[in-house]
Amino acid sequence: MERFFGLAERGTTPRREVLAGLATFLTMAYIVVVNPGIMAAAGIDHGAAFVATCLAAAIGSALMGLLANYPIALAPGMGLNAYFAFAVVGAMGVPWQVALGAVFLSGIIFFAVSLAGFREWLINSIPISLKLGIAAGIGFFLGLIGLRGMGLVVDNPATLVSLGPLGEAATLISCAGFVLTAGLVARGVTGGIVIGILVTALLGLPFGLTQFNGIFSLPPSLAPTFLQMDLAGALGLGLVGIVFTFFIVDLLDNAGTLIATTHRAGLMRKDGSVPRLGRALMADSGGAMIGAALGTSTTVSYIESAAGVQAGGRTGLTALTVSALFLLTLFLAPLATSIPAFATAPALLLVACLMTQGLRDIDWDDATEFMPAAITALSMPFTFSIATGIGLGFISYALIKLVAGKGAQVGGAVWLIAAASALKFSLQG
């Protein structure tokens, strides 16, 4: 284990890695409840979607841990699952089998460009200011999710968002959980995030907010979705735009997560490049294809992995722990779903606060650097999309540099991603 994962080299231990994996799992376990519901809206069997979600997360996370040795977990991506169910299947009337075929094809394209080193070149060519903006923006994005989960931020038809009802028991418990978790982390307590999540969930029991759903149940059948994707239908000319959208969003979301988590874990090189990036990208693309074959939307690297990184995770052993926990979830679904959202939301807010630290390293004396970075960071929470924030960041970086007379500083990769992002936005509307 020491030789394979290099635990000592990265200053970690098996116990710390396992606790980090538990922290990551607890912050992303909501996907086993949310994703099957979204897939069911597309006409997919709910039970099969639950099994597909767990297996896609387990296999994808294991690939990341074994191939890239990164503490990053994978699961069906939020946002892409909504696009799959409500835009492609719902609004466009594409059968879910054909939509799964489109996801599979986007994974093949993803894998091909990863194998050729093209995607690695793209990501390593991203300017450091944009990388820092991406990391901070994902932090803001997580912060909005966390604040909403805690009940501190709610919808408002006049102002878009506003302060939630502070008198609600769940909100008060969440706030207490955040203070506890932040204090434990500040004191350097190993597993502080996990402790905070569990204590917060337990505090909800007397108020009836945390429901103990039991421990064991046999998993449903996967037969209704396994290998049901329609590749022939997805190859139709009318599906090209859908395949491209799955691909570009997968590319940008995974790039953002890899950049943010490796930066937070101290695994990024001084020049801003990410070591073993090619292997990580192959794990991502492999996870996307496997997820489609199982019967769920695109599998991506999860930004919630930052919770495990903050808990001390530095190697693929963290990802393997997450993988094992998702496999256990197949049989322990009632127990896994007993952790309510208000108990995991404080952890997301904590990680969000920590991830914004990258903004301090941006060159604030160069407007052509800090403005695109700021646009990237601000766009993610306000559009509720990591991919959109990244796309707008690249477009603004290229155009601001050009207008400022510094177009020569814009590399070919930046122009390429900016053009692809502009094309994606045009296809959306």
Protein backbone atom coordinates (compact mmCIF):
# COMPACT_ATOMS: atom_id res chain seq x y z
CA MET A 1 0.00 0.00 0.00
CA GLU A 2 2.82 2.40 0.88
CA ARG A 3 4.66 1.72 -2.39
CA PHE A 4 1.57 1.92 -4.58
CA PHE A 5 0.03 5.08 -3.13
CA GLY A 6 3.16 6.81 -1.78
CA LEU A 7 1.51 7.64 1.54
CA ALA A 8 4.63 8.82 3.35
CA GLU A 9 5.75 10.90 0.39
CA ARG A 10 2.51 12.85 0.54
CA GLY A 11 2.54 13.13 4.32
CA THR A 12 -0.50 10.99 5.05
CA THR A 13 -1.50 7.69 6.69
CA PRO A 14 -4.03 4.92 5.89
CA ARG A 15 -6.25 6.07 8.77
CA ARG A 16 -6.28 9.66 7.52
CA GLU A 17 -7.05 8.53 3.97
CA VAL A 18 -9.98 6.41 5.11
CA LEU A 19 -11.39 9.26 7.20
CA ALA A 20 -10.94 11.59 4.23
CA GLY A 21 -12.82 9.13 2.02
CA LEU A 22 -15.62 9.02 4.57
CA ALA A 23 -15.78 12.83 4.59
CA THR A 24 -16.01 12.94 0.79
CA PHE A 25 -18.64 10.20 0.73
CA LEU A 26 -20.83 11.90 3.31
CA THR A 27 -20.77 15.20 1.42
CA MET A 28 -21.72 13.57 -1.90
CA ALA A 29 -23.97 10.75 -0.66
CA TYR A 30 -26.98 12.91 -1.52
CA ILE A 31 -26.48 11.87 -5.14
CA VAL A 32 -27.86 8.39 -4.40
CA VAL A 33 -31.17 10.05 -3.52
CA VAL A 34 -31.23 13.00 -5.96
CA ASN A 35 -29.98 11.37 -9.17
CA PRO A 36 -32.45 8.45 -9.26
CA GLY A 37 -35.28 10.95 -8.85
CA ILE A 38 -34.02 13.03 -11.79
CA MET A 39 -33.49 9.93 -13.92
CA ALA A 40 -37.01 8.76 -13.05
CA ALA A 41 -38.29 12.08 -14.46
CA ALA A 42 -36.79 10.96 -17.78
CA GLY A 43 -38.72 7.69 -17.64
CA ILE A 44 -35.91 5.53 -16.24
CA ASP A 45 -36.79 2.92 -13.60
CA HIS A 46 -36.08 4.49 -10.18
CA GLY A 47 -34.65 1.35 -8.59
CA ALA A 48 -32.35 0.64 -11.53
CA ALA A 49 -31.23 4.28 -11.51
CA PHE A 50 -30.32 3.97 -7.81
CA VAL A 51 -28.15 0.92 -8.50
CA ALA A 52 -26.61 2.56 -11.59
CA THR A 53 -25.77 5.67 -9.55
CA CYS A 54 -24.02 3.67 -6.82
CA LEU A 55 -22.12 1.46 -9.27
CA ALA A 56 -21.08 4.37 -11.52
CA ALA A 57 -19.74 6.23 -8.47
CA ALA A 58 -17.95 3.15 -7.14
CA ILE A 59 -16.31 2.19 -10.44
CA GLY A 60 -15.44 5.76 -11.44
CA SER A 61 -13.89 6.54 -8.04
CA ALA A 62 -11.89 3.29 -8.12
CA LEU A 63 -10.55 4.16 -11.59
CA MET A 64 -9.43 7.57 -10.35
CA GLY A 65 -7.74 6.09 -7.29
CA LEU A 66 -5.96 3.29 -9.13
CA LEU A 67 -5.03 5.06 -12.38
CA ALA A 68 -4.22 8.58 -11.19
CA ASN A 69 -3.66 8.11 -7.43
CA TYR A 70 -5.76 11.21 -6.70
CA PRO A 71 -8.15 11.72 -3.73
CA ILE A 72 -10.97 12.56 -6.14
CA ALA A 73 -14.29 10.73 -6.26
CA LEU A 74 -16.64 10.41 -9.22
CA ALA A 75 -20.42 10.13 -9.54
CA PRO A 76 -23.18 11.19 -11.94
CA GLY A 77 -22.85 14.96 -12.28
CA MET A 78 -25.41 17.43 -11.01
CA GLY A 79 -26.42 19.76 -13.81
CA LEU A 80 -25.65 17.23 -16.50
CA ASN A 81 -28.32 14.92 -15.08
CA ALA A 82 -30.84 17.79 -15.18
CA TYR A 83 -29.83 18.60 -18.78
CA PHE A 84 -30.25 14.91 -19.63
CA ALA A 85 -33.70 14.54 -18.07
CA PHE A 86 -35.36 17.91 -18.55
CA ALA A 87 -33.72 19.35 -21.69
CA VAL A 88 -32.77 16.36 -23.86
CA VAL A 89 -35.49 13.87 -22.88
CA GLY A 90 -38.16 16.28 -21.64
CA ALA A 91 -37.99 19.35 -23.89
CA MET A 92 -36.46 17.76 -27.02
CA GLY A 93 -38.42 14.52 -26.78
CA VAL A 94 -35.35 12.29 -27.20
CA PRO A 95 -35.92 8.76 -25.81
CA TRP A 96 -33.84 8.11 -22.70
CA GLN A 97 -32.14 5.18 -24.41
CA VAL A 98 -30.91 7.50 -27.18
CA ALA A 99 -29.85 10.10 -24.61
CA LEU A 100 -27.79 7.44 -22.84
CA GLY A 101 -26.22 6.64 -26.20
CA ALA A 102 -25.26 10.32 -26.57
CA VAL A 103 -23.64 10.24 -23.12
CA PHE A 104 -21.70 7.11 -24.12
CA LEU A 105 -20.50 8.71 -27.38
CA SER A 106 -19.37 11.85 -25.54
CA GLY A 107 -17.39 9.56 -23.22
CA ILE A 108 -15.71 7.91 -26.22
CA ILE A 109 -14.70 11.31 -27.60
CA PHE A 110 -13.52 12.30 -24.14
CA PHE A 111 -11.41 9.12 -23.88
CA ALA A 112 -9.96 9.54 -27.38
CA VAL A 113 -8.73 13.08 -26.83
CA SER A 114 -7.41 12.08 -23.40
CA LEU A 115 -5.49 9.15 -24.88
CA ALA A 116 -3.97 11.43 -27.48
CA GLY A 117 -2.83 13.88 -24.81
CA PHE A 118 -4.91 16.65 -26.39
CA ARG A 119 -7.04 17.30 -23.33
CA GLU A 120 -4.02 17.27 -21.05
CA TRP A 121 -2.43 19.93 -23.27
CA LEU A 122 -5.62 21.98 -23.08
CA ILE A 123 -5.84 21.94 -19.31
CA ASN A 124 -2.15 22.51 -18.67
CA SER A 125 -2.31 25.50 -21.04
CA ILE A 126 -4.89 27.31 -18.90
CA PRO A 127 -3.36 30.54 -17.50
CA ILE A 128 -2.68 30.43 -13.76
CA SER A 129 -5.03 33.39 -13.14
CA LEU A 130 -7.93 31.48 -14.69
CA LYS A 131 -7.01 28.36 -12.72
CA LEU A 132 -7.14 30.34 -9.50
CA GLY A 133 -10.40 31.97 -10.59
CA ILE A 134 -11.85 28.55 -11.35
CA ALA A 135 -10.85 27.22 -7.91
CA ALA A 136 -12.36 30.23 -6.14
CA GLY A 137 -15.47 30.17 -8.34
CA ILE A 138 -16.13 26.54 -7.51
CA GLY A 139 -15.73 27.56 -3.87
CA PHE A 140 -18.41 30.25 -4.33
CA PHE A 141 -20.59 27.71 -6.15
CA LEU A 142 -20.24 25.26 -3.27
CA GLY A 143 -20.89 28.09 -0.83
CA LEU A 144 -24.23 28.88 -2.47
CA ILE A 145 -25.20 25.21 -2.35
CA GLY A 146 -24.14 25.01 1.29
CA LEU A 147 -25.98 28.18 2.32
CA ARG A 148 -29.09 26.98 0.52
CA GLY A 149 -28.85 23.56 2.17
CA MET A 150 -28.53 25.23 5.57
CA GLY A 151 -31.64 27.30 4.91
CA LEU A 152 -29.76 30.60 5.09
CA VAL A 153 -30.43 31.42 1.43
CA VAL A 154 -33.86 30.98 -0.17
CA ASP A 155 -35.53 31.93 -3.45
CA ASN A 156 -37.08 35.39 -3.74
CA PRO A 157 -39.09 36.50 -6.78
CA ALA A 158 -38.09 40.14 -6.30
CA THR A 159 -34.40 39.86 -5.44
CA LEU A 160 -33.68 36.32 -6.77
CA VAL A 161 -32.33 35.26 -3.35
CA SER A 162 -32.79 36.45 0.22
CA LEU A 163 -32.17 35.44 3.83
CA GLY A 164 -34.08 32.36 4.93
CA PRO A 165 -36.12 31.91 8.12
CA LEU A 166 -33.53 31.88 10.90
CA GLY A 167 -35.99 30.49 13.42
CA GLU A 168 -36.21 27.12 11.70
CA ALA A 169 -34.73 24.29 13.77
CA ALA A 170 -32.88 22.79 10.79
CA THR A 171 -31.25 26.14 10.01
CA LEU A 172 -30.16 26.70 13.60
CA ILE A 173 -28.75 23.18 13.84
CA SER A 174 -26.91 23.65 10.54
CA CYS A 175 -25.38 26.89 11.78
CA ALA A 176 -24.29 25.17 14.99
CA GLY A 177 -22.85 22.36 12.90
CA PHE A 178 -20.84 24.81 10.81
CA VAL A 179 -19.39 26.51 13.89
CA LEU A 180 -18.51 23.10 15.38
CA THR A 181 -16.94 21.84 12.15
CA ALA A 182 -15.00 25.06 11.55
CA GLY A 183 -13.72 25.01 15.10
CA LEU A 184 -12.59 21.40 14.84
CA VAL A 185 -10.81 22.08 11.55
CA ALA A 186 -9.17 25.21 12.97
CA ARG A 187 -7.89 23.12 15.89
CA GLY A 188 -6.44 20.59 13.43
CA VAL A 189 -8.67 17.73 14.58
CA THR A 190 -8.31 14.80 12.17
CA GLY A 191 -11.70 13.87 10.77
CA GLY A 192 -13.21 17.16 12.01
CA ILE A 193 -15.49 17.40 8.99
CA VAL A 194 -16.81 13.86 9.49
CA ILE A 195 -17.38 14.52 13.20
CA GLY A 196 -19.21 17.74 12.37
CA ILE A 197 -21.51 16.01 9.87
CA LEU A 198 -22.37 13.16 12.22
CA VAL A 199 -22.95 15.40 15.25
CA THR A 200 -25.14 17.72 13.19
CA ALA A 201 -27.24 14.77 12.00
CA LEU A 202 -27.58 13.49 15.56
CA LEU A 203 -28.74 16.92 16.76
CA GLY A 204 -31.66 16.63 14.37
CA LEU A 205 -33.01 13.44 15.95
CA PRO A 206 -34.90 15.06 18.89
CA PHE A 207 -36.63 17.45 16.46
CA GLY A 208 -37.65 14.73 14.05
CA LEU A 209 -35.41 16.25 11.37
CA THR A 210 -33.14 13.23 11.09
CA GLN A 211 -35.07 10.12 10.26
CA PHE A 212 -33.49 6.74 10.96
CA ASN A 213 -34.57 4.70 7.95
CA GLY A 214 -33.12 1.36 8.93
CA ILE A 215 -29.88 -0.34 7.99
CA PHE A 216 -30.15 -3.12 5.43
CA SER A 217 -32.01 -3.71 2.17
CA LEU A 218 -31.27 -5.74 -0.94
CA PRO A 219 -30.46 -3.64 -4.03
CA PRO A 220 -33.07 -3.37 -6.81
CA SER A 221 -32.51 -4.92 -10.24
CA LEU A 222 -30.29 -3.14 -12.77
CA ALA A 223 -31.88 -4.99 -15.71
CA PRO A 224 -34.21 -2.15 -16.84
CA THR A 225 -31.23 0.13 -17.70
CA PHE A 226 -28.15 -2.08 -18.12
CA LEU A 227 -26.79 -1.75 -21.69
CA GLN A 228 -30.04 -0.14 -22.84
CA MET A 229 -28.34 2.83 -24.53
CA ASP A 230 -29.22 3.33 -28.20
CA LEU A 231 -25.95 4.12 -29.99
CA ALA A 232 -27.46 3.98 -33.46
CA GLY A 233 -30.05 6.59 -32.54
CA ALA A 234 -27.41 8.79 -30.91
CA LEU A 235 -25.34 8.78 -34.11
CA GLY A 236 -28.08 10.69 -35.93
CA LEU A 237 -27.14 14.14 -37.20
CA GLY A 238 -29.74 15.77 -34.98
CA LEU A 239 -27.92 14.51 -31.89
CA VAL A 240 -24.52 16.03 -32.76
CA GLY A 241 -25.24 19.16 -30.74
CA ILE A 242 -26.35 17.10 -27.75
CA VAL A 243 -23.22 14.91 -27.86
CA PHE A 244 -21.04 18.02 -28.14
CA THR A 245 -22.80 19.65 -25.18
CA PHE A 246 -22.27 16.56 -23.01
CA PHE A 247 -18.61 16.52 -24.08
CA ILE A 248 -17.78 20.19 -23.54
CA VAL A 249 -19.60 20.40 -20.19
CA ASP A 250 -17.89 17.17 -19.07
CA LEU A 251 -14.54 18.62 -20.14
CA LEU A 252 -15.01 21.94 -18.36
CA ASP A 253 -16.56 20.50 -15.19
CA ASN A 254 -13.80 17.89 -14.82
CA ALA A 255 -11.10 20.44 -15.61
CA GLY A 256 -12.46 22.76 -12.94
CA THR A 257 -12.69 20.03 -10.33
CA LEU A 258 -9.20 18.66 -11.05
CA ILE A 259 -7.68 22.13 -10.92
CA ALA A 260 -9.48 23.11 -7.72
CA THR A 261 -8.84 19.90 -5.78
CA THR A 262 -5.20 19.41 -6.81
CA HIS A 263 -4.50 23.05 -5.96
CA ARG A 264 -6.14 22.64 -2.54
CA ALA A 265 -4.28 19.37 -1.89
CA GLY A 266 -0.91 20.89 -2.81
CA LEU A 267 -0.52 18.45 -5.71
CA MET A 268 -0.37 21.08 -8.45
CA ARG A 269 3.11 21.99 -9.73
CA LYS A 270 4.49 25.51 -9.26
CA ASP A 271 3.89 26.30 -12.94
CA GLY A 272 0.20 25.45 -12.54
CA SER A 273 0.31 22.11 -14.39
CA VAL A 274 -1.30 18.99 -12.93
CA PRO A 275 0.83 15.83 -12.70
CA ARG A 276 -0.61 12.53 -14.03
CA LEU A 277 -3.40 14.57 -15.60
CA GLY A 278 -3.71 12.19 -18.54
CA ARG A 279 -4.52 9.28 -16.24
CA ALA A 280 -7.05 11.34 -14.33
CA LEU A 281 -8.76 12.33 -17.56
CA MET A 282 -8.92 8.72 -18.74
CA ALA A 283 -10.53 7.77 -15.44
CA ASP A 284 -13.09 10.55 -15.97
CA SER A 285 -13.92 9.50 -19.52
CA GLY A 286 -14.01 5.82 -18.59
CA GLY A 287 -16.42 6.65 -15.80
CA ALA A 288 -18.70 8.49 -18.24
CA MET A 289 -18.88 5.49 -20.60
CA ILE A 290 -19.44 3.01 -17.77
CA GLY A 291 -22.16 5.18 -16.24
CA ALA A 292 -24.03 5.33 -19.56
CA ALA A 293 -23.75 1.56 -19.94
CA LEU A 294 -25.18 1.11 -16.45
CA GLY A 295 -28.03 3.52 -17.10
CA THR A 296 -27.24 6.98 -15.75
CA SER A 297 -26.14 10.37 -17.04
CA THR A 298 -22.53 11.54 -17.32
CA THR A 299 -20.20 10.54 -14.48
CA VAL A 300 -17.81 13.34 -13.49
CA SER A 301 -15.20 14.21 -10.87
CA TYR A 302 -16.94 15.61 -7.82
CA ILE A 303 -15.97 18.94 -6.30
CA GLU A 304 -17.19 17.52 -2.97
CA SER A 305 -13.87 15.67 -3.04
CA ALA A 306 -12.50 18.90 -1.59
CA ALA A 307 -14.08 17.88 1.73
CA GLY A 308 -11.87 14.78 1.78
CA VAL A 309 -8.84 16.82 0.78
CA GLN A 310 -9.48 19.19 3.67
CA ALA A 311 -9.81 16.15 5.96
CA GLY A 312 -6.29 15.09 4.94
CA GLY A 313 -6.81 12.95 1.83
CA ARG A 314 -3.85 13.09 -0.53
CA THR A 315 -3.81 9.78 -2.45
CA GLY A 316 -5.99 7.39 -4.40
CA LEU A 317 -6.69 5.48 -1.20
CA THR A 318 -9.22 8.20 -0.38
CA ALA A 319 -10.99 7.57 -3.71
CA LEU A 320 -10.94 3.81 -3.13
CA THR A 321 -12.55 4.34 0.26
CA VAL A 322 -15.33 6.32 -1.41
CA SER A 323 -15.68 3.51 -3.96
CA ALA A 324 -16.08 0.90 -1.22
CA LEU A 325 -18.65 3.04 0.60
CA PHE A 326 -20.75 3.42 -2.55
CA LEU A 327 -20.70 -0.36 -2.99
CA LEU A 328 -21.85 -0.74 0.62
CA THR A 329 -24.57 1.80 -0.09
CA LEU A 330 -26.16 -0.72 -2.43
CA PHE A 331 -27.03 -2.76 0.66
CA LEU A 332 -27.15 0.05 3.22
CA ALA A 333 -29.31 2.50 1.35
CA PRO A 334 -31.67 3.19 4.29
CA LEU A 335 -28.73 4.05 6.56
CA ALA A 336 -26.92 6.16 3.94
CA THR A 337 -30.03 8.21 3.26
CA SER A 338 -30.48 8.91 6.98
CA ILE A 339 -27.86 11.71 6.77
CA PRO A 340 -30.01 14.77 5.97
CA ALA A 341 -28.96 17.63 3.72
CA PHE A 342 -28.82 20.12 6.59
CA ALA A 343 -26.05 17.99 8.13
CA THR A 344 -23.80 17.95 5.06
CA ALA A 345 -24.46 21.56 4.01
CA PRO A 346 -22.16 23.06 6.71
CA ALA A 347 -19.27 20.97 5.38
CA LEU A 348 -19.83 22.36 1.89
CA LEU A 349 -19.84 25.93 3.24
CA LEU A 350 -16.63 25.26 5.17
CA VAL A 351 -14.87 23.91 2.10
CA ALA A 352 -16.16 26.89 0.10
CA CYS A 353 -14.54 29.30 2.55
CA LEU A 354 -11.23 27.48 2.28
CA MET A 355 -11.26 27.33 -1.52
CA THR A 356 -11.58 31.09 -1.93
CA GLN A 357 -8.05 31.49 -0.57
CA GLY A 358 -6.69 31.06 -4.09
CA LEU A 359 -7.84 34.58 -4.98
CA ARG A 360 -4.96 36.05 -2.98
CA ASP A 361 -2.44 34.66 -5.50
CA ILE A 362 -3.97 36.39 -8.53
CA ASP A 363 -2.02 39.28 -10.05
CA TRP A 364 -4.31 42.11 -8.95
CA ASP A 365 -2.11 44.71 -10.68
CA ASP A 366 -2.93 43.37 -14.16
CA ALA A 367 -6.54 44.01 -15.19
CA THR A 368 -6.25 41.57 -18.10
CA GLU A 369 -5.56 38.81 -15.57
CA PHE A 370 -7.75 39.60 -12.57
CA MET A 371 -10.87 40.66 -14.50
CA PRO A 372 -11.33 37.33 -16.37
CA ALA A 373 -10.55 35.50 -13.12
CA ALA A 374 -13.19 37.53 -11.29
CA ILE A 375 -15.73 36.93 -14.08
CA THR A 376 -15.02 33.20 -13.85
CA ALA A 377 -15.45 33.14 -10.08
CA LEU A 378 -18.60 35.28 -10.04
CA SER A 379 -20.32 33.56 -12.96
CA MET A 380 -20.33 30.10 -11.42
CA PRO A 381 -22.67 30.79 -8.48
CA PHE A 382 -24.78 33.37 -10.31
CA THR A 383 -25.43 31.07 -13.28
CA PHE A 384 -25.41 27.99 -11.01
CA SER A 385 -23.04 26.30 -13.43
CA ILE A 386 -19.33 25.53 -13.15
CA ALA A 387 -19.10 24.96 -16.91
CA THR A 388 -20.73 28.30 -17.72
CA GLY A 389 -18.38 30.17 -15.41
CA ILE A 390 -15.35 28.53 -16.99
CA GLY A 391 -16.62 29.23 -20.49
CA LEU A 392 -17.28 32.91 -19.77
CA GLY A 393 -13.87 33.16 -18.13
CA PHE A 394 -12.07 31.90 -21.22
CA ILE A 395 -14.05 34.10 -23.59
CA SER A 396 -13.45 37.21 -21.48
CA TYR A 397 -9.75 36.37 -21.03
CA ALA A 398 -9.16 36.11 -24.78
CA LEU A 399 -11.21 39.19 -25.71
CA ILE A 400 -9.93 41.46 -22.92
CA LYS A 401 -6.33 40.56 -23.77
CA LEU A 402 -7.04 41.24 -27.45
CA VAL A 403 -8.67 44.65 -26.86
CA ALA A 404 -5.92 45.62 -24.41
CA GLY A 405 -3.30 44.99 -27.09
CA LYS A 406 -1.97 41.86 -25.41
CA GLY A 407 -3.44 39.31 -27.80
CA ALA A 408 -0.01 37.72 -28.27
CA GLN A 409 -0.20 36.50 -24.65
CA VAL A 410 -3.26 34.36 -25.43
CA GLY A 411 -2.25 30.81 -26.28
CA GLY A 412 -3.89 28.64 -28.89
CA ALA A 413 -5.48 26.43 -26.25
CA VAL A 414 -7.23 29.43 -24.68
CA TRP A 415 -8.61 30.53 -28.05
CA LEU A 416 -9.75 26.97 -28.75
CA ILE A 417 -11.63 26.60 -25.45
CA ALA A 418 -13.07 30.12 -25.80
CA ALA A 419 -14.35 29.28 -29.29
CA ALA A 420 -15.79 25.94 -28.11
CA SER A 421 -17.50 27.69 -25.20
CA ALA A 422 -18.98 30.33 -27.50
CA LEU A 423 -20.28 27.57 -29.77
CA LYS A 424 -21.83 25.78 -26.81
CA PHE A 425 -23.58 28.97 -25.67
CA SER A 426 -24.91 29.54 -29.19
CA LEU A 427 -26.31 25.99 -29.30
CA GLN A 428 -28.08 26.61 -25.98
CA GLY A 429 -29.98 29.50 -27.24
